[in-house]
Structure formats: C-alpha cells, structure tokens
N, C-alpha and C. Protein backbone atom coordinates (compact mmCIF):
# COMPACT_ATOMS: atom_id res chain seq x y z
N MET A 1 109.49 -61.62 -31.46
CA MET A 1 109.61 -60.67 -30.41
C MET A 1 108.08 -60.58 -29.91
N PHE A 2 108.13 -60.21 -28.67
CA PHE A 2 106.83 -59.99 -28.01
C PHE A 2 106.17 -58.62 -28.31
N GLN A 3 104.92 -58.61 -28.32
CA GLN A 3 104.15 -57.29 -28.47
C GLN A 3 103.79 -57.05 -27.09
N PRO A 4 103.65 -55.72 -26.67
CA PRO A 4 103.17 -55.44 -25.30
C PRO A 4 101.86 -56.11 -24.89
N GLU A 5 100.98 -56.22 -25.71
CA GLU A 5 99.72 -56.84 -25.33
C GLU A 5 99.89 -58.18 -25.07
N ASP A 6 100.93 -58.87 -25.44
CA ASP A 6 101.24 -60.31 -25.17
C ASP A 6 101.51 -60.48 -23.69
N LEU A 7 101.96 -59.42 -23.02
CA LEU A 7 102.45 -59.54 -21.68
C LEU A 7 101.39 -59.14 -20.61
N VAL A 8 100.17 -58.63 -21.03
CA VAL A 8 99.22 -58.12 -20.14
C VAL A 8 97.88 -58.87 -20.19
N ALA A 9 97.12 -58.83 -19.27
CA ALA A 9 95.75 -59.32 -19.32
C ALA A 9 94.78 -58.09 -19.37
N SER A 10 93.63 -58.47 -20.00
CA SER A 10 92.56 -57.33 -20.10
C SER A 10 92.23 -56.96 -18.63
N GLY A 11 92.19 -55.57 -18.52
CA GLY A 11 91.61 -55.07 -17.13
C GLY A 11 92.85 -54.66 -16.22
N GLN A 12 94.06 -54.89 -16.69
CA GLN A 12 95.17 -54.50 -15.82
C GLN A 12 95.34 -52.88 -15.63
N ALA A 13 94.94 -52.14 -16.51
CA ALA A 13 94.99 -50.78 -16.24
C ALA A 13 93.90 -50.32 -15.21
N GLU A 14 92.85 -50.97 -15.30
CA GLU A 14 91.82 -50.77 -14.32
C GLU A 14 92.16 -51.14 -12.90
N ARG A 15 92.88 -52.31 -12.90
CA ARG A 15 93.39 -52.81 -11.52
C ARG A 15 94.49 -51.83 -10.86
N LEU A 16 95.27 -51.12 -11.84
CA LEU A 16 96.19 -50.26 -11.40
C LEU A 16 95.52 -49.07 -10.73
N THR A 17 94.45 -48.67 -11.47
CA THR A 17 93.67 -47.40 -10.90
C THR A 17 93.25 -47.87 -9.54
N GLU A 18 92.69 -49.03 -9.46
CA GLU A 18 92.06 -49.40 -8.12
C GLU A 18 93.11 -49.47 -7.09
N ALA A 19 94.31 -49.94 -7.43
CA ALA A 19 95.46 -49.95 -6.44
C ALA A 19 95.79 -48.67 -6.05
N ARG A 20 95.93 -47.64 -7.01
CA ARG A 20 96.28 -46.32 -6.78
C ARG A 20 95.23 -45.71 -5.76
N LYS A 21 93.97 -45.81 -6.08
CA LYS A 21 92.86 -45.27 -5.25
C LYS A 21 92.95 -45.82 -3.89
N SER A 22 93.13 -47.03 -3.79
CA SER A 22 93.26 -47.80 -2.50
C SER A 22 94.37 -47.28 -1.59
N SER A 23 95.48 -46.94 -2.26
CA SER A 23 96.65 -46.33 -1.59
C SER A 23 96.47 -44.90 -1.25
N GLY A 24 95.46 -44.23 -1.78
CA GLY A 24 95.31 -42.81 -1.40
C GLY A 24 96.22 -41.88 -2.19
N ARG A 25 96.92 -42.44 -3.22
CA ARG A 25 97.86 -41.61 -4.00
C ARG A 25 97.19 -40.95 -5.23
N ASP A 26 97.64 -39.82 -5.58
CA ASP A 26 97.05 -38.86 -6.64
C ASP A 26 97.78 -39.27 -7.97
N PRO A 27 97.14 -39.24 -9.05
CA PRO A 27 97.85 -39.49 -10.40
C PRO A 27 99.09 -38.49 -10.66
N GLY A 28 98.84 -37.29 -10.34
CA GLY A 28 99.96 -36.35 -10.39
C GLY A 28 101.14 -36.61 -9.58
N GLU A 29 100.91 -37.04 -8.35
CA GLU A 29 101.93 -37.36 -7.42
C GLU A 29 102.78 -38.64 -7.99
N LEU A 30 102.10 -39.59 -8.40
CA LEU A 30 102.75 -40.74 -9.11
C LEU A 30 103.51 -40.38 -10.25
N ALA A 31 102.87 -39.49 -11.15
CA ALA A 31 103.60 -39.14 -12.30
C ALA A 31 104.98 -38.45 -11.97
N HIS A 32 104.91 -37.62 -10.94
CA HIS A 32 106.17 -36.98 -10.46
C HIS A 32 107.08 -37.93 -9.94
N LEU A 33 106.58 -38.87 -9.14
CA LEU A 33 107.57 -39.95 -8.58
C LEU A 33 108.23 -40.72 -9.70
N LEU A 34 107.50 -41.03 -10.81
CA LEU A 34 108.06 -41.75 -11.85
C LEU A 34 108.94 -40.98 -12.81
N GLY A 35 108.66 -39.56 -12.76
CA GLY A 35 109.44 -38.71 -13.72
C GLY A 35 108.80 -38.66 -15.08
N ILE A 36 107.43 -38.94 -15.09
CA ILE A 36 106.78 -38.78 -16.42
C ILE A 36 105.70 -37.82 -16.31
N SER A 37 105.15 -37.49 -17.51
CA SER A 37 104.12 -36.50 -17.41
C SER A 37 102.84 -36.93 -16.91
N TYR A 38 102.01 -36.03 -16.48
CA TYR A 38 100.68 -36.43 -15.98
C TYR A 38 99.90 -37.27 -16.96
N GLU A 39 99.96 -36.84 -18.29
CA GLU A 39 99.15 -37.50 -19.30
C GLU A 39 99.84 -38.93 -19.55
N ALA A 40 101.01 -39.00 -19.40
CA ALA A 40 101.71 -40.52 -19.55
C ALA A 40 101.26 -41.29 -18.42
N TYR A 41 101.13 -40.70 -17.23
CA TYR A 41 100.67 -41.55 -16.11
C TYR A 41 99.24 -41.98 -16.38
N ARG A 42 98.47 -41.06 -16.75
CA ARG A 42 96.98 -41.40 -17.09
C ARG A 42 96.92 -42.43 -18.06
N ASP A 43 97.66 -42.52 -18.94
CA ASP A 43 97.76 -43.61 -20.11
C ASP A 43 98.00 -44.91 -19.39
N LEU A 44 98.85 -44.98 -18.31
CA LEU A 44 99.09 -46.34 -17.66
C LEU A 44 97.73 -46.72 -16.97
N GLU A 45 96.90 -45.87 -16.64
CA GLU A 45 95.68 -46.34 -16.07
C GLU A 45 94.48 -46.35 -17.15
N SER A 46 94.88 -46.04 -18.40
CA SER A 46 93.88 -46.25 -19.39
C SER A 46 94.05 -47.33 -20.43
N PHE A 47 95.42 -47.71 -20.48
CA PHE A 47 95.57 -48.75 -21.62
C PHE A 47 96.43 -49.84 -21.00
N ASP A 48 96.03 -51.16 -21.04
CA ASP A 48 96.62 -52.24 -20.41
C ASP A 48 98.12 -52.31 -20.68
N GLU A 49 98.44 -52.16 -21.95
CA GLU A 49 99.83 -52.52 -22.39
C GLU A 49 100.89 -51.41 -21.97
N GLU A 50 100.39 -50.17 -21.64
CA GLU A 50 101.30 -49.21 -21.39
C GLU A 50 102.33 -49.44 -20.25
N ILE A 51 101.88 -50.27 -19.31
CA ILE A 51 102.68 -50.54 -18.10
C ILE A 51 103.97 -51.33 -18.43
N VAL A 52 103.83 -52.10 -19.50
CA VAL A 52 104.94 -53.05 -19.93
C VAL A 52 105.77 -52.43 -21.11
N ASP A 53 105.25 -51.29 -21.68
CA ASP A 53 105.85 -50.69 -22.87
C ASP A 53 106.39 -49.24 -22.75
N THR A 54 105.84 -48.58 -21.80
CA THR A 54 106.27 -47.18 -21.90
C THR A 54 107.14 -46.64 -20.73
N ILE A 55 107.08 -47.64 -19.63
CA ILE A 55 107.93 -47.22 -18.45
C ILE A 55 108.98 -48.28 -18.29
N SER A 56 110.01 -47.83 -17.51
CA SER A 56 111.15 -48.85 -17.34
C SER A 56 110.74 -49.81 -16.23
N PHE A 57 111.55 -50.88 -16.21
CA PHE A 57 111.30 -51.85 -15.12
C PHE A 57 111.41 -51.28 -13.80
N ARG A 58 112.51 -50.41 -13.66
CA ARG A 58 112.62 -49.64 -12.46
C ARG A 58 111.42 -48.92 -11.98
N GLN A 59 110.88 -48.14 -13.03
CA GLN A 59 109.61 -47.35 -12.74
C GLN A 59 108.52 -48.25 -12.40
N LEU A 60 108.35 -49.41 -13.10
CA LEU A 60 107.37 -50.30 -12.75
C LEU A 60 107.34 -50.72 -11.29
N VAL A 61 108.69 -51.00 -10.81
CA VAL A 61 108.83 -51.60 -9.45
C VAL A 61 108.55 -50.49 -8.47
N LEU A 62 109.04 -49.17 -8.81
CA LEU A 62 108.76 -48.09 -7.99
C LEU A 62 107.29 -47.78 -7.80
N LEU A 63 106.49 -47.84 -8.98
CA LEU A 63 105.09 -47.51 -9.04
C LEU A 63 104.49 -48.60 -8.19
N ALA A 64 104.69 -49.84 -8.27
CA ALA A 64 104.15 -51.00 -7.41
C ALA A 64 104.37 -50.75 -5.99
N GLY A 65 105.50 -50.37 -5.66
CA GLY A 65 105.82 -49.99 -4.20
C GLY A 65 104.85 -48.93 -3.70
N ALA A 66 104.69 -47.87 -4.50
CA ALA A 66 104.01 -46.75 -4.03
C ALA A 66 102.61 -46.93 -3.94
N VAL A 67 101.92 -47.90 -4.65
CA VAL A 67 100.59 -48.25 -4.56
C VAL A 67 100.21 -49.62 -4.00
N ARG A 68 101.36 -50.11 -3.40
CA ARG A 68 101.33 -51.45 -2.64
C ARG A 68 100.62 -52.57 -3.58
N LEU A 69 101.31 -52.56 -4.76
CA LEU A 69 100.74 -53.59 -5.71
C LEU A 69 101.77 -54.76 -5.82
N ASP A 70 101.37 -55.92 -5.67
CA ASP A 70 102.21 -57.20 -5.81
C ASP A 70 102.36 -57.54 -7.29
N LEU A 71 103.40 -57.18 -7.79
CA LEU A 71 103.59 -57.50 -9.23
C LEU A 71 103.51 -58.84 -9.82
N ARG A 72 103.94 -59.67 -8.84
CA ARG A 72 103.97 -61.11 -9.31
C ARG A 72 102.53 -61.62 -9.47
N SER A 73 101.65 -61.11 -8.50
CA SER A 73 100.29 -61.42 -8.64
C SER A 73 99.54 -60.66 -9.75
N PHE A 74 99.93 -59.39 -9.95
CA PHE A 74 99.46 -58.57 -10.82
C PHE A 74 99.66 -59.09 -12.34
N PHE A 75 100.88 -59.76 -12.55
CA PHE A 75 101.21 -60.25 -13.82
C PHE A 75 101.05 -61.73 -13.94
N GLY A 76 100.31 -62.35 -12.82
CA GLY A 76 100.09 -63.81 -12.98
C GLY A 76 101.28 -64.60 -12.87
N ALA A 77 102.41 -64.15 -12.20
CA ALA A 77 103.60 -64.95 -12.18
C ALA A 77 103.59 -66.13 -11.21
N GLY A 78 102.80 -66.03 -10.17
CA GLY A 78 102.66 -67.12 -9.23
C GLY A 78 103.84 -67.29 -8.43
N ASP A 79 103.81 -68.05 -7.41
CA ASP A 79 104.94 -68.36 -6.47
C ASP A 79 105.81 -69.24 -7.11
N GLN A 80 105.47 -70.21 -7.95
CA GLN A 80 106.13 -71.28 -8.45
C GLN A 80 107.28 -70.83 -9.34
N MET A 81 107.12 -69.62 -9.97
CA MET A 81 108.21 -69.05 -10.88
C MET A 81 109.48 -68.80 -10.17
N GLU A 82 110.48 -69.38 -10.68
CA GLU A 82 111.85 -69.26 -10.23
C GLU A 82 112.41 -67.80 -10.55
N ALA A 83 113.02 -67.24 -9.38
CA ALA A 83 113.41 -65.88 -9.65
C ALA A 83 114.73 -65.90 -10.32
N CYS A 84 114.97 -64.86 -11.27
CA CYS A 84 116.13 -64.69 -12.04
C CYS A 84 116.64 -63.34 -11.72
N THR A 85 117.87 -63.05 -11.83
CA THR A 85 118.52 -61.76 -11.69
C THR A 85 119.07 -61.29 -13.02
N PHE A 86 119.24 -59.94 -13.14
CA PHE A 86 119.77 -59.30 -14.26
C PHE A 86 121.18 -59.84 -14.46
N ALA A 87 121.93 -60.10 -13.43
CA ALA A 87 123.27 -60.53 -13.61
C ALA A 87 123.29 -61.97 -14.19
N ASP A 88 122.24 -62.81 -13.92
CA ASP A 88 122.17 -64.03 -14.50
C ASP A 88 121.97 -63.98 -16.02
N LEU A 89 120.99 -63.01 -16.37
CA LEU A 89 120.75 -62.84 -17.69
C LEU A 89 121.90 -62.45 -18.63
N ALA A 90 122.68 -61.37 -18.01
CA ALA A 90 123.83 -60.80 -18.57
C ALA A 90 124.78 -61.89 -18.72
N ALA A 91 125.04 -62.74 -17.85
CA ALA A 91 126.00 -63.82 -17.77
C ALA A 91 125.74 -64.85 -18.96
N ARG A 92 124.40 -65.06 -19.10
CA ARG A 92 124.07 -66.08 -20.23
C ARG A 92 124.31 -65.41 -21.62
N LEU A 93 123.91 -64.12 -21.63
CA LEU A 93 124.15 -63.55 -22.93
C LEU A 93 125.61 -63.25 -23.25
N ASN A 94 126.45 -62.98 -22.32
CA ASN A 94 127.98 -62.85 -22.50
C ASN A 94 128.44 -64.13 -22.90
N GLN A 95 128.01 -65.31 -22.27
CA GLN A 95 128.51 -66.60 -22.61
C GLN A 95 128.23 -66.97 -23.96
N LEU A 96 127.09 -66.67 -24.40
CA LEU A 96 126.62 -66.94 -25.78
C LEU A 96 127.58 -66.31 -26.80
N VAL A 97 127.86 -64.89 -26.58
CA VAL A 97 128.81 -64.19 -27.35
C VAL A 97 130.15 -64.81 -27.32
N ALA A 98 130.63 -65.04 -26.09
CA ALA A 98 131.97 -65.57 -25.82
C ALA A 98 132.17 -66.93 -26.47
N ASP A 99 131.27 -67.84 -26.50
CA ASP A 99 131.38 -69.15 -27.05
C ASP A 99 131.44 -68.99 -28.62
N GLY A 100 131.13 -67.85 -29.16
CA GLY A 100 131.13 -67.72 -30.54
C GLY A 100 129.85 -68.19 -31.29
N ALA A 101 128.89 -68.54 -30.45
CA ALA A 101 127.60 -69.02 -30.94
C ALA A 101 127.01 -67.87 -31.85
N VAL A 102 127.14 -66.63 -31.47
CA VAL A 102 126.46 -65.57 -32.11
C VAL A 102 127.35 -64.23 -31.83
N THR A 103 127.33 -63.38 -32.85
CA THR A 103 128.03 -62.10 -32.53
C THR A 103 127.05 -61.18 -31.73
N LEU A 104 127.53 -60.18 -31.02
CA LEU A 104 126.73 -59.31 -30.38
C LEU A 104 125.72 -58.60 -31.29
N ALA A 105 126.20 -58.31 -32.36
CA ALA A 105 125.30 -57.49 -33.35
C ALA A 105 124.24 -58.47 -33.87
N ALA A 106 124.52 -59.65 -34.17
CA ALA A 106 123.52 -60.60 -34.46
C ALA A 106 122.45 -60.88 -33.41
N LEU A 107 122.92 -60.99 -32.23
CA LEU A 107 122.19 -61.18 -30.92
C LEU A 107 121.31 -59.95 -30.71
N GLU A 108 121.73 -58.82 -31.02
CA GLU A 108 120.98 -57.50 -30.90
C GLU A 108 119.90 -57.58 -31.88
N ASP A 109 120.13 -58.02 -33.23
CA ASP A 109 119.19 -58.08 -34.19
C ASP A 109 118.14 -59.08 -33.89
N GLU A 110 118.59 -60.20 -33.29
CA GLU A 110 117.63 -61.33 -32.98
C GLU A 110 116.62 -60.84 -31.91
N VAL A 111 117.07 -60.15 -30.81
CA VAL A 111 116.20 -59.81 -29.76
C VAL A 111 115.54 -58.52 -29.91
N GLY A 112 116.07 -57.62 -30.79
CA GLY A 112 115.52 -56.32 -31.22
C GLY A 112 115.76 -55.25 -30.25
N TRP A 113 116.92 -55.40 -29.53
CA TRP A 113 117.30 -54.47 -28.50
C TRP A 113 118.78 -54.22 -28.44
N GLU A 114 119.35 -53.08 -28.24
CA GLU A 114 120.77 -52.91 -28.03
C GLU A 114 121.11 -53.47 -26.68
N LEU A 115 122.32 -54.25 -26.67
CA LEU A 115 122.73 -54.96 -25.42
C LEU A 115 124.13 -54.50 -24.84
N ARG A 116 124.87 -53.97 -25.59
CA ARG A 116 126.20 -53.64 -25.21
C ARG A 116 126.34 -53.07 -23.88
N GLU A 117 125.54 -51.94 -23.46
CA GLU A 117 125.57 -51.26 -22.25
C GLU A 117 125.15 -52.23 -21.00
N VAL A 118 124.01 -53.00 -21.29
CA VAL A 118 123.54 -53.82 -20.34
C VAL A 118 124.45 -55.06 -20.03
N LEU A 119 125.12 -55.40 -20.96
CA LEU A 119 126.01 -56.52 -20.78
C LEU A 119 127.29 -56.12 -19.96
N GLU A 120 127.71 -54.74 -20.15
CA GLU A 120 128.66 -54.33 -19.43
C GLU A 120 128.36 -53.89 -17.91
N ASN A 121 127.04 -53.47 -17.85
CA ASN A 121 126.50 -53.15 -16.52
C ASN A 121 125.17 -53.69 -16.31
N PRO A 122 124.92 -54.99 -15.98
CA PRO A 122 123.62 -55.65 -15.84
C PRO A 122 122.66 -54.85 -15.00
N ASP A 123 123.06 -53.91 -14.08
CA ASP A 123 121.96 -53.12 -13.41
C ASP A 123 121.24 -52.39 -14.26
N MET A 124 121.78 -52.00 -15.45
CA MET A 124 121.00 -51.15 -16.44
C MET A 124 119.90 -51.82 -17.02
N PHE A 125 119.61 -53.22 -16.89
CA PHE A 125 118.57 -53.95 -17.43
C PHE A 125 117.29 -53.18 -16.90
N ASP A 126 117.26 -52.67 -15.68
CA ASP A 126 116.10 -52.17 -15.06
C ASP A 126 115.68 -50.88 -15.83
N GLU A 127 116.52 -50.29 -16.61
CA GLU A 127 116.07 -49.06 -17.46
C GLU A 127 115.31 -49.44 -18.67
N LEU A 128 115.12 -50.75 -18.91
CA LEU A 128 114.43 -51.10 -20.05
C LEU A 128 112.98 -51.41 -19.63
N PRO A 129 112.00 -51.35 -20.56
CA PRO A 129 110.74 -51.70 -20.31
C PRO A 129 110.56 -53.22 -20.27
N ALA A 130 109.48 -53.67 -19.58
CA ALA A 130 109.27 -55.04 -19.41
C ALA A 130 109.23 -55.86 -20.76
N VAL A 131 108.65 -55.24 -21.83
CA VAL A 131 108.61 -55.90 -23.18
C VAL A 131 110.02 -56.17 -23.60
N ALA A 132 111.02 -55.28 -23.32
CA ALA A 132 112.41 -55.60 -23.65
C ALA A 132 112.91 -56.83 -22.91
N LEU A 133 112.66 -56.97 -21.61
CA LEU A 133 113.12 -58.08 -20.94
C LEU A 133 112.45 -59.32 -21.33
N ALA A 134 111.18 -59.21 -21.83
CA ALA A 134 110.67 -60.41 -22.47
C ALA A 134 111.30 -60.88 -23.62
N ASP A 135 111.66 -59.96 -24.66
CA ASP A 135 112.23 -60.22 -25.83
C ASP A 135 113.69 -60.82 -25.55
N ILE A 136 114.48 -60.21 -24.67
CA ILE A 136 115.84 -60.60 -24.41
C ILE A 136 115.88 -61.88 -23.64
N GLY A 137 115.07 -62.02 -22.43
CA GLY A 137 115.03 -63.30 -21.68
C GLY A 137 114.42 -64.49 -22.55
N GLY A 138 113.58 -64.18 -23.39
CA GLY A 138 113.01 -65.24 -24.24
C GLY A 138 114.04 -65.90 -25.10
N ARG A 139 115.19 -65.35 -25.35
CA ARG A 139 116.19 -66.14 -26.06
C ARG A 139 116.54 -67.37 -25.37
N PHE A 140 116.35 -67.28 -24.00
CA PHE A 140 116.83 -68.44 -23.17
C PHE A 140 115.56 -69.15 -22.50
N GLY A 141 114.38 -68.73 -22.90
CA GLY A 141 113.22 -69.25 -22.18
C GLY A 141 113.04 -68.71 -20.80
N ILE A 142 113.52 -67.53 -20.60
CA ILE A 142 113.40 -66.86 -19.24
C ILE A 142 112.26 -65.97 -19.36
N ASP A 143 111.27 -66.24 -18.51
CA ASP A 143 110.08 -65.41 -18.53
C ASP A 143 110.40 -64.12 -17.84
N TRP A 144 110.05 -63.00 -18.48
CA TRP A 144 110.44 -61.65 -17.87
C TRP A 144 109.84 -61.48 -16.46
N ARG A 145 108.69 -62.19 -16.09
CA ARG A 145 108.25 -61.98 -14.70
C ARG A 145 109.05 -62.52 -13.66
N SER A 146 110.02 -63.47 -14.12
CA SER A 146 110.95 -64.02 -13.06
C SER A 146 111.90 -62.87 -12.43
N PHE A 147 111.91 -61.74 -13.10
CA PHE A 147 112.82 -60.62 -12.59
C PHE A 147 112.03 -59.82 -11.58
N LEU A 148 110.65 -60.02 -11.48
CA LEU A 148 109.80 -59.21 -10.47
C LEU A 148 110.18 -59.50 -9.20
N PRO A 149 110.07 -58.49 -8.27
CA PRO A 149 110.42 -58.76 -6.88
C PRO A 149 109.37 -59.61 -6.22
N PRO A 150 109.65 -60.37 -5.33
CA PRO A 150 108.71 -61.11 -4.47
C PRO A 150 107.73 -60.27 -3.65
N ALA A 151 106.51 -60.65 -3.37
CA ALA A 151 105.61 -59.89 -2.61
C ALA A 151 106.20 -59.61 -1.26
N ARG A 152 105.86 -58.48 -0.67
CA ARG A 152 106.42 -58.09 0.74
C ARG A 152 105.41 -58.48 1.68
C-alpha cells in the first residue's frame, strides 16, 4: 500500500499556496468551499502529503478548479498518461471478484479499503482520498493520476 508521501513531491504545499494567492482566494473561503475547517485547509498549504490524504478526490478537483491549478501538471502526470474512469476501475474490480480470483473481503484486505459501496456506485470513488485510489488502482497497475481531469 502507498503512503501519502509516496504520491507527492517536496514543495507541493507551497505550490498550492502560490496558486491560491495567484487566484486571489482566501484560505477561509476555500475551507468553506471544501467543507473543512480553516485549520484543515491551512494544513493543505503546510504539509505536502495532506492534499492526497485528508481530502477526497472530489474536494481535490474542486480546490484545483477554484485556484486554477492543473492537477496533471501539479502531480507530474504529464500528457502521455492514459485517462481512466472510476467506472473502468469498478468494472475491473467487479470482474476480478466475479471470476472467483479473489473474494471481495480478501480484495478489501489486499488494498486496505472498503470497496462494496464504490463497486455498487463507481461515482463514489471520488469520495475517497487520492491515496486510496493509488492503493486500489495499484492492484491493476493503474496510476491514480490517470483519474485526474485534463487541463482546461
């Protein structure tokens, strides 16, 4: 399983701070937008790994949009990385269980996350933090950054 620090580069919290300042947004405003405390938001700008560990993927995308941050560039995904959808991930996981290769319980133990709800409703993958997507996608060699939206 991945550790949050495995998914980030040194200085990303500082880059987030710069993006927020460039966008003219206030930390309190962004905390409210994300539905987190002011202190939790400040941690995003203070500790590199917080952005992949403490907020959901949905909140990550929302934050990036608010501060005009290209997540693929921010996380070094590059343009060459093929996009993947949550439906694709759910289909692969469901197929693995349907084929009898592994039980759902064993698969959950292997990846370290509960999967029943997300397999029934793949849109719920966006409620997980990036580190969870890394652990779950890693089962198939899917880089979590392939779920990031393309730059606008």
